[in-house]
Amino acid sequence: MTDAQMGLAVATPAIIVMALLLYRMGVLQKGGVATAVLMSLAIAVILFLEQ
């Protein structure tokens, strides 16, 4: 696993956790959380496979 892939493996869950925390605090709505999670996963998969 390259350094870039390791970074993606660490950053993607951090983004998802942050989105969930913001939802619990009332900052984000469900649609915003869903968008953040889906887009971060999609970007991570694409970049992970291109490495």
PDB file of N, CA and C in Angstrom:
ATOM      1  N   MET A   1       0.853  -1.172   0.000  1.00  0.00           N
ATOM      2  CA  MET A   1       0.000   0.000   0.000  1.00  0.00           C
ATOM      3  C   MET A   1       0.902   1.240   0.000  1.00  0.00           C
ATOM      4  N   THR A   2       0.634   2.139  -0.926  1.00  0.00           N
ATOM      5  CA  THR A   2       1.451   3.347  -1.035  1.00  0.00           C
ATOM      6  C   THR A   2       1.050   4.360   0.034  1.00  0.00           C
ATOM      7  N   ASP A   3       1.854   5.398   0.166  1.00  0.00           N
ATOM      8  CA  ASP A   3       1.549   6.447   1.133  1.00  0.00           C
ATOM      9  C   ASP A   3       0.238   7.146   0.802  1.00  0.00           C
ATOM     10  N   ALA A   4      -0.018   7.344  -0.484  1.00  0.00           N
ATOM     11  CA  ALA A   4      -1.258   8.005  -0.897  1.00  0.00           C
ATOM     12  C   ALA A   4      -2.479   7.150  -0.535  1.00  0.00           C
ATOM     13  N   GLN A   5      -2.374   5.854  -0.743  1.00  0.00           N
ATOM     14  CA  GLN A   5      -3.478   4.968  -0.398  1.00  0.00           C
ATOM     15  C   GLN A   5      -3.681   4.915   1.113  1.00  0.00           C
ATOM     16  N   MET A   6      -2.606   4.947   1.865  1.00  0.00           N
ATOM     17  CA  MET A   6      -2.710   4.967   3.320  1.00  0.00           C
ATOM     18  C   MET A   6      -3.396   6.253   3.782  1.00  0.00           C
ATOM     19  N   GLY A   7      -3.052   7.361   3.153  1.00  0.00           N
ATOM     20  CA  GLY A   7      -3.696   8.624   3.484  1.00  0.00           C
ATOM     21  C   GLY A   7      -5.184   8.591   3.201  1.00  0.00           C
ATOM     22  N   LEU A   8      -5.566   7.990   2.075  1.00  0.00           N
ATOM     23  CA  LEU A   8      -6.991   7.853   1.758  1.00  0.00           C
ATOM     24  C   LEU A   8      -7.696   6.970   2.771  1.00  0.00           C
ATOM     25  N   ALA A   9      -7.032   5.906   3.217  1.00  0.00           N
ATOM     26  CA  ALA A   9      -7.625   4.996   4.187  1.00  0.00           C
ATOM     27  C   ALA A   9      -7.826   5.669   5.543  1.00  0.00           C
ATOM     28  N   VAL A  10      -7.038   6.681   5.832  1.00  0.00           N
ATOM     29  CA  VAL A  10      -7.174   7.407   7.093  1.00  0.00           C
ATOM     30  C   VAL A  10      -8.131   8.590   6.954  1.00  0.00           C
ATOM     31  N   ALA A  11      -8.042   9.311   5.847  1.00  0.00           N
ATOM     32  CA  ALA A  11      -8.829  10.537   5.680  1.00  0.00           C
ATOM     33  C   ALA A  11     -10.312  10.267   5.451  1.00  0.00           C
ATOM     34  N   THR A  12     -10.631   9.225   4.711  1.00  0.00           N
ATOM     35  CA  THR A  12     -12.035   8.954   4.401  1.00  0.00           C
ATOM     36  C   THR A  12     -12.863   8.664   5.652  1.00  0.00           C
ATOM     37  N   PRO A  13     -12.424   7.777   6.548  1.00  0.00           N
ATOM     38  CA  PRO A  13     -13.207   7.588   7.774  1.00  0.00           C
ATOM     39  C   PRO A  13     -13.275   8.847   8.634  1.00  0.00           C
ATOM     40  N   ALA A  14     -12.214   9.659   8.612  1.00  0.00           N
ATOM     41  CA  ALA A  14     -12.228  10.904   9.379  1.00  0.00           C
ATOM     42  C   ALA A  14     -13.293  11.853   8.843  1.00  0.00           C
ATOM     43  N   ILE A  15     -13.433  11.924   7.532  1.00  0.00           N
ATOM     44  CA  ILE A  15     -14.466  12.770   6.930  1.00  0.00           C
ATOM     45  C   ILE A  15     -15.854  12.265   7.307  1.00  0.00           C
ATOM     46  N   ILE A  16     -16.040  10.955   7.275  1.00  0.00           N
ATOM     47  CA  ILE A  16     -17.338  10.376   7.605  1.00  0.00           C
ATOM     48  C   ILE A  16     -17.686  10.624   9.070  1.00  0.00           C
ATOM     49  N   VAL A  17     -16.724  10.433   9.959  1.00  0.00           N
ATOM     50  CA  VAL A  17     -16.959  10.679  11.385  1.00  0.00           C
ATOM     51  C   VAL A  17     -17.280  12.149  11.624  1.00  0.00           C
ATOM     52  N   MET A  18     -16.570  13.039  10.960  1.00  0.00           N
ATOM     53  CA  MET A  18     -16.829  14.475  11.129  1.00  0.00           C
ATOM     54  C   MET A  18     -18.228  14.835  10.650  1.00  0.00           C
ATOM     55  N   ALA A  19     -18.651  14.261   9.524  1.00  0.00           N
ATOM     56  CA  ALA A  19     -20.003  14.531   9.027  1.00  0.00           C
ATOM     57  C   ALA A  19     -21.053  14.039  10.018  1.00  0.00           C
ATOM     58  N   LEU A  20     -20.840  12.866  10.593  1.00  0.00           N
ATOM     59  CA  LEU A  20     -21.790  12.347  11.576  1.00  0.00           C
ATOM     60  C   LEU A  20     -21.827  13.194  12.845  1.00  0.00           C
ATOM     61  N   LEU A  21     -20.663  13.661  13.276  1.00  0.00           N
ATOM     62  CA  LEU A  21     -20.627  14.541  14.448  1.00  0.00           C
ATOM     63  C   LEU A  21     -21.344  15.861  14.173  1.00  0.00           C
ATOM     64  N   LEU A  22     -21.142  16.409  12.985  1.00  0.00           N
ATOM     65  CA  LEU A  22     -21.834  17.657  12.633  1.00  0.00           C
ATOM     66  C   LEU A  22     -23.345  17.449  12.560  1.00  0.00           C
ATOM     67  N   TYR A  23     -23.762  16.278  12.114  1.00  0.00           N
ATOM     68  CA  TYR A  23     -25.192  15.961  12.089  1.00  0.00           C
ATOM     69  C   TYR A  23     -25.751  15.888  13.513  1.00  0.00           C
ATOM     70  N   ARG A  24     -25.015  15.237  14.397  1.00  0.00           N
ATOM     71  CA  ARG A  24     -25.476  15.119  15.788  1.00  0.00           C
ATOM     72  C   ARG A  24     -25.537  16.470  16.484  1.00  0.00           C
ATOM     73  N   MET A  25     -24.651  17.404  16.073  1.00  0.00           N
ATOM     74  CA  MET A  25     -24.655  18.737  16.658  1.00  0.00           C
ATOM     75  C   MET A  25     -25.734  19.619  16.034  1.00  0.00           C
ATOM     76  N   GLY A  26     -26.365  19.143  14.978  1.00  0.00           N
ATOM     77  CA  GLY A  26     -27.425  19.909  14.339  1.00  0.00           C
ATOM     78  C   GLY A  26     -26.952  20.848  13.251  1.00  0.00           C
ATOM     79  N   VAL A  27     -25.699  20.732  12.852  1.00  0.00           N
ATOM     80  CA  VAL A  27     -25.142  21.626  11.838  1.00  0.00           C
ATOM     81  C   VAL A  27     -25.514  21.162  10.434  1.00  0.00           C
ATOM     82  N   LEU A  28     -25.504  19.843  10.211  1.00  0.00           N
ATOM     83  CA  LEU A  28     -25.830  19.280   8.902  1.00  0.00           C
ATOM     84  C   LEU A  28     -27.173  18.578   8.945  1.00  0.00           C
ATOM     85  N   GLN A  29     -27.843  18.596   7.810  1.00  0.00           N
ATOM     86  CA  GLN A  29     -29.072  17.829   7.670  1.00  0.00           C
ATOM     87  C   GLN A  29     -28.726  16.457   7.111  1.00  0.00           C
ATOM     88  N   LYS A  30     -29.712  15.555   7.102  1.00  0.00           N
ATOM     89  CA  LYS A  30     -29.469  14.190   6.631  1.00  0.00           C
ATOM     90  C   LYS A  30     -28.951  14.166   5.197  1.00  0.00           C
ATOM     91  N   GLY A  31     -29.487  15.026   4.356  1.00  0.00           N
ATOM     92  CA  GLY A  31     -29.041  15.075   2.967  1.00  0.00           C
ATOM     93  C   GLY A  31     -27.585  15.487   2.852  1.00  0.00           C
ATOM     94  N   GLY A  32     -27.160  16.407   3.688  1.00  0.00           N
ATOM     95  CA  GLY A  32     -25.768  16.841   3.686  1.00  0.00           C
ATOM     96  C   GLY A  32     -24.830  15.750   4.147  1.00  0.00           C
ATOM     97  N   VAL A  33     -25.261  15.013   5.162  1.00  0.00           N
ATOM     98  CA  VAL A  33     -24.446  13.897   5.655  1.00  0.00           C
ATOM     99  C   VAL A  33     -24.345  12.817   4.588  1.00  0.00           C
ATOM    100  N   ALA A  34     -25.473  12.483   3.973  1.00  0.00           N
ATOM    101  CA  ALA A  34     -25.472  11.452   2.935  1.00  0.00           C
ATOM    102  C   ALA A  34     -24.572  11.854   1.771  1.00  0.00           C
ATOM    103  N   THR A  35     -24.649  13.105   1.369  1.00  0.00           N
ATOM    104  CA  THR A  35     -23.813  13.593   0.275  1.00  0.00           C
ATOM    105  C   THR A  35     -22.339  13.537   0.649  1.00  0.00           C
ATOM    106  N   ALA A  36     -22.000  13.984   1.842  1.00  0.00           N
ATOM    107  CA  ALA A  36     -20.604  13.977   2.278  1.00  0.00           C
ATOM    108  C   ALA A  36     -20.046  12.563   2.336  1.00  0.00           C
ATOM    109  N   VAL A  37     -20.833  11.637   2.868  1.00  0.00           N
ATOM    110  CA  VAL A  37     -20.369  10.255   2.991  1.00  0.00           C
ATOM    111  C   VAL A  37     -20.222   9.615   1.620  1.00  0.00           C
ATOM    112  N   LEU A  38     -21.238   9.751   0.775  1.00  0.00           N
ATOM    113  CA  LEU A  38     -21.186   9.112  -0.539  1.00  0.00           C
ATOM    114  C   LEU A  38     -20.073   9.689  -1.418  1.00  0.00           C
ATOM    115  N   MET A  39     -19.922  10.994  -1.408  1.00  0.00           N
ATOM    116  CA  MET A  39     -18.890  11.613  -2.239  1.00  0.00           C
ATOM    117  C   MET A  39     -17.490  11.285  -1.726  1.00  0.00           C
ATOM    118  N   SER A  40     -17.298  11.265  -0.423  1.00  0.00           N
ATOM    119  CA  SER A  40     -15.975  10.924   0.093  1.00  0.00           C
ATOM    120  C   SER A  40     -15.625   9.474  -0.217  1.00  0.00           C
ATOM    121  N   LEU A  41     -16.610   8.587  -0.129  1.00  0.00           N
ATOM    122  CA  LEU A  41     -16.371   7.193  -0.485  1.00  0.00           C
ATOM    123  C   LEU A  41     -16.075   7.040  -1.975  1.00  0.00           C
ATOM    124  N   ALA A  42     -16.833   7.741  -2.808  1.00  0.00           N
ATOM    125  CA  ALA A  42     -16.617   7.652  -4.253  1.00  0.00           C
ATOM    126  C   ALA A  42     -15.233   8.177  -4.636  1.00  0.00           C
ATOM    127  N   ILE A  43     -14.851   9.297  -4.082  1.00  0.00           N
ATOM    128  CA  ILE A  43     -13.538   9.875  -4.375  1.00  0.00           C
ATOM    129  C   ILE A  43     -12.428   8.952  -3.887  1.00  0.00           C
ATOM    130  N   ALA A  44     -12.597   8.397  -2.697  1.00  0.00           N
ATOM    131  CA  ALA A  44     -11.572   7.506  -2.153  1.00  0.00           C
ATOM    132  C   ALA A  44     -11.415   6.259  -3.007  1.00  0.00           C
ATOM    133  N   VAL A  45     -12.516   5.686  -3.452  1.00  0.00           N
ATOM    134  CA  VAL A  45     -12.442   4.476  -4.275  1.00  0.00           C
ATOM    135  C   VAL A  45     -11.760   4.774  -5.600  1.00  0.00           C
ATOM    136  N   ILE A  46     -12.138   5.861  -6.236  1.00  0.00           N
ATOM    137  CA  ILE A  46     -11.540   6.215  -7.526  1.00  0.00           C
ATOM    138  C   ILE A  46     -10.042   6.474  -7.374  1.00  0.00           C
ATOM    139  N   LEU A  47      -9.665   7.269  -6.392  1.00  0.00           N
ATOM    140  CA  LEU A  47      -8.249   7.580  -6.208  1.00  0.00           C
ATOM    141  C   LEU A  47      -7.456   6.356  -5.746  1.00  0.00           C
ATOM    142  N   PHE A  48      -8.079   5.517  -4.916  1.00  0.00           N
ATOM    143  CA  PHE A  48      -7.384   4.325  -4.436  1.00  0.00           C
ATOM    144  C   PHE A  48      -7.071   3.378  -5.580  1.00  0.00           C
ATOM    145  N   LEU A  49      -8.030   3.222  -6.484  1.00  0.00           N
ATOM    146  CA  LEU A  49      -7.838   2.299  -7.593  1.00  0.00           C
ATOM    147  C   LEU A  49      -6.891   2.850  -8.660  1.00  0.00           C
ATOM    148  N   GLU A  50      -6.783   4.163  -8.760  1.00  0.00           N
ATOM    149  CA  GLU A  50      -5.895   4.766  -9.762  1.00  0.00           C
ATOM    150  C   GLU A  50      -4.445   4.775  -9.313  1.00  0.00           C
ATOM    151  N   GLN A  51      -4.186   4.556  -8.061  1.00  0.00           N
ATOM    152  CA  GLN A  51      -2.804   4.602  -7.553  1.00  0.00           C
ATOM    153  C   GLN A  51      -2.028   3.412  -8.032  1.00  0.00           C
TER     154      GLN A  51
END
